C-alpha atoms as a PDB file:
ATOM      1  CA  MET A   1      16.530   3.546 -12.647  1.00  0.00           C
ATOM      2  CA  ALA A   2      13.558   2.331 -11.016  1.00  0.00           C
ATOM      3  CA  PHE A   3      13.646   0.430  -7.435  1.00  0.00           C
ATOM      4  CA  ARG A   4      12.248  -3.075  -7.760  1.00  0.00           C
ATOM      5  CA  VAL A   5       9.050  -3.162  -5.533  1.00  0.00           C
ATOM      6  CA  ASP A   6       7.980  -6.682  -3.094  1.00  0.00           C
ATOM      7  CA  PHE A   7       4.935  -6.991  -1.100  1.00  0.00           C
ATOM      8  CA  THR A   8       5.156  -8.432   2.594  1.00  0.00           C
ATOM      9  CA  GLU A   9       3.175 -11.279   3.339  1.00  0.00           C
ATOM     10  CA  LEU A  10       0.681  -9.169   5.740  1.00  0.00           C
ATOM     11  CA  ALA A  11       0.444  -6.637   2.219  1.00  0.00           C
ATOM     12  CA  ALA A  12      -0.747  -9.579   0.409  1.00  0.00           C
ATOM     13  CA  GLU A  13      -3.153 -10.809   3.245  1.00  0.00           C
ATOM     14  CA  ASP A  14      -4.067  -7.141   3.524  1.00  0.00           C
ATOM     15  CA  LEU A  15      -5.528  -6.789  -0.164  1.00  0.00           C
ATOM     16  CA  GLU A  16      -6.934 -10.289   0.104  1.00  0.00           C
ATOM     17  CA  SER A  17      -9.154  -9.214   2.522  1.00  0.00           C
ATOM     18  CA  ILE A  18     -10.619  -6.294   0.355  1.00  0.00           C
ATOM     19  CA  SER A  19     -11.167  -8.258  -2.021  1.00  0.00           C
ATOM     20  CA  LYS A  20     -13.856 -11.165  -0.211  1.00  0.00           C
ATOM     21  CA  PHE A  21     -15.057  -7.776   1.568  1.00  0.00           C
ATOM     22  CA  ILE A  22     -15.507  -6.157  -1.370  1.00  0.00           C
ATOM     23  CA  ALA A  23     -16.859  -8.310  -3.479  1.00  0.00           C
ATOM     24  CA  GLU A  24     -19.623  -9.856  -0.798  1.00  0.00           C
ATOM     25  CA  ASP A  25     -22.089  -7.005  -2.189  1.00  0.00           C
ATOM     26  CA  ASN A  26     -19.783  -6.123  -5.445  1.00  0.00           C
ATOM     27  CA  PRO A  27     -17.105  -8.469  -7.496  1.00  0.00           C
ATOM     28  CA  ALA A  28     -15.962  -5.909 -10.015  1.00  0.00           C
ATOM     29  CA  ALA A  29     -16.244  -3.379  -7.686  1.00  0.00           C
ATOM     30  CA  ALA A  30     -13.244  -5.432  -5.613  1.00  0.00           C
ATOM     31  CA  ALA A  31     -11.937  -6.363  -9.155  1.00  0.00           C
ATOM     32  CA  ARG A  32     -11.365  -3.065  -9.483  1.00  0.00           C
ATOM     33  CA  VAL A  33     -10.573  -1.195  -6.352  1.00  0.00           C
ATOM     34  CA  CYS A  34      -7.646  -3.986  -5.785  1.00  0.00           C
ATOM     35  CA  ARG A  35      -5.856  -3.698  -9.095  1.00  0.00           C
ATOM     36  CA  GLY A  36      -6.038   0.038  -8.814  1.00  0.00           C
ATOM     37  CA  LEU A  37      -4.305  -0.541  -5.496  1.00  0.00           C
ATOM     38  CA  TYR A  38      -2.336  -2.662  -6.872  1.00  0.00           C
ATOM     39  CA  GLU A  39      -1.103  -0.538  -9.477  1.00  0.00           C
ATOM     40  CA  LEU A  40      -0.249   1.849  -7.474  1.00  0.00           C
ATOM     41  CA  ALA A  41       2.346   0.521  -5.938  1.00  0.00           C
ATOM     42  CA  LEU A  42       3.768  -1.052  -8.707  1.00  0.00           C
ATOM     43  CA  SER A  43       3.832   2.527  -9.883  1.00  0.00           C
ATOM     44  CA  LEU A  44       6.316   3.023  -6.426  1.00  0.00           C
ATOM     45  CA  ALA A  45       8.839   1.833  -8.531  1.00  0.00           C
ATOM     46  CA  THR A  46       9.364   4.745 -10.350  1.00  0.00           C
ATOM     47  CA  ASN A  47       8.954   7.418  -7.860  1.00  0.00           C
ATOM     48  CA  PRO A  48       8.785   5.760  -4.380  1.00  0.00           C
ATOM     49  CA  PHE A  49       9.379   9.332  -2.012  1.00  0.00           C
ATOM     50  CA  ILE A  50       5.703  10.407  -3.767  1.00  0.00           C
ATOM     51  CA  GLY A  51       3.980   9.683  -0.620  1.00  0.00           C
ATOM     52  CA  ARG A  52       4.133  11.916   2.322  1.00  0.00           C
ATOM     53  CA  ILE A  53       6.592  10.253   5.628  1.00  0.00           C
ATOM     54  CA  THR A  54       3.634   8.169   7.705  1.00  0.00           C
ATOM     55  CA  PRO A  55       2.395  10.595  10.352  1.00  0.00           C
ATOM     56  CA  GLU A  56       2.177   6.912  13.424  1.00  0.00           C
ATOM     57  CA  TYR A  57       6.016   6.158  12.691  1.00  0.00           C
ATOM     58  CA  SER A  58       7.957   9.876  12.389  1.00  0.00           C
ATOM     59  CA  ASP A  59      10.337   7.251   9.544  1.00  0.00           C
ATOM     60  CA  PRO A  60      11.032   9.286   6.966  1.00  0.00           C
ATOM     61  CA  THR A  61      11.765   5.504   5.783  1.00  0.00           C
ATOM     62  CA  ILE A  62       8.196   4.840   5.967  1.00  0.00           C
ATOM     63  CA  ARG A  63       5.793   6.577   3.457  1.00  0.00           C
ATOM     64  CA  ASP A  64       1.933   6.132   2.776  1.00  0.00           C
ATOM     65  CA  ILE A  65      -0.039   6.951  -0.358  1.00  0.00           C
ATOM     66  CA  SER A  66      -3.463   7.395  -0.781  1.00  0.00           C
ATOM     67  CA  GLN A  67      -6.359   6.488  -3.394  1.00  0.00           C
ATOM     68  CA  GLY A  68     -10.122   6.133  -2.118  1.00  0.00           C
ATOM     69  CA  SER A  69     -10.102   5.281   1.774  1.00  0.00           C
ATOM     70  CA  TYR A  70      -6.865   2.744   1.232  1.00  0.00           C
ATOM     71  CA  ARG A  71      -3.574   4.156   2.174  1.00  0.00           C
ATOM     72  CA  ILE A  72      -1.140   2.376   1.117  1.00  0.00           C
ATOM     73  CA  VAL A  73       2.276   1.975   3.689  1.00  0.00           C
ATOM     74  CA  TYR A  74       5.471   1.087   2.495  1.00  0.00           C
ATOM     75  CA  LEU A  75       9.159   0.919   2.949  1.00  0.00           C
ATOM     76  CA  VAL A  76      11.884   2.838   0.929  1.00  0.00           C
ATOM     77  CA  ASP A  77      15.115   1.443   1.158  1.00  0.00           C
ATOM     78  CA  GLU A  78      17.650   3.674  -1.330  1.00  0.00           C
ATOM     79  CA  ARG A  79      20.544   1.336  -0.702  1.00  0.00           C
ATOM     80  CA  LEU A  80      19.145  -2.029  -2.136  1.00  0.00           C
ATOM     81  CA  GLN A  81      16.419   0.471  -4.453  1.00  0.00           C
ATOM     82  CA  ARG A  82      13.759  -1.284  -2.928  1.00  0.00           C
ATOM     83  CA  VAL A  83      10.186  -0.462  -2.037  1.00  0.00           C
ATOM     84  CA  GLY A  84       8.825  -2.558   0.501  1.00  0.00           C
ATOM     85  CA  ILE A  85       5.075  -2.494   0.156  1.00  0.00           C
ATOM     86  CA  LEU A  86       3.647  -3.063   4.477  1.00  0.00           C
ATOM     87  CA  ARG A  87      -0.035  -2.662   4.358  1.00  0.00           C
ATOM     88  CA  PHE A  88      -2.906  -1.841   2.363  1.00  0.00           C
ATOM     89  CA  TRP A  89      -5.121  -0.077   5.652  1.00  0.00           C
ATOM     90  CA  HIS A  90      -8.467   1.428   5.127  1.00  0.00           C
ATOM     91  CA  GLY A  91      -9.092   4.702   7.806  1.00  0.00           C
ATOM     92  CA  ALA A  92     -12.193   3.013   9.041  1.00  0.00           C
ATOM     93  CA  ARG A  93      -9.789   1.037  10.908  1.00  0.00           C
ATOM     94  CA  GLY A  94      -7.935   3.902  12.525  1.00  0.00           C
ATOM     95  CA  PHE A  95      -4.110   4.208  13.018  1.00  0.00           C
ATOM     96  CA  LEU A  96      -2.076   2.212  12.201  1.00  0.00           C
ATOM     97  CA  PRO A  97      -0.640   0.068  15.477  1.00  0.00           C
ATOM     98  CA  GLY A  98       2.351   0.200  16.037  1.00  0.00           C
END
């Protein structure tokens, strides 16, 4: 059974910021990158434990998966069979805030 995938408001804002930043130089690339990140996030419904445990938190329920320079940080709730997308994070931004 697939998990439900939900996006936090902060994650949605991250994706919008990524799109706007890339679109300044290349709107087609912005659409391609954001679509890829969104689709990867949705794919967590069928395999939520594919990502590693996020080192900044050392909590086995908070995981991340990378695509290019971006990390998708998410929370797995096995009991509710839910994946909560917390952040889309660019590696150049350094570590996630605590």
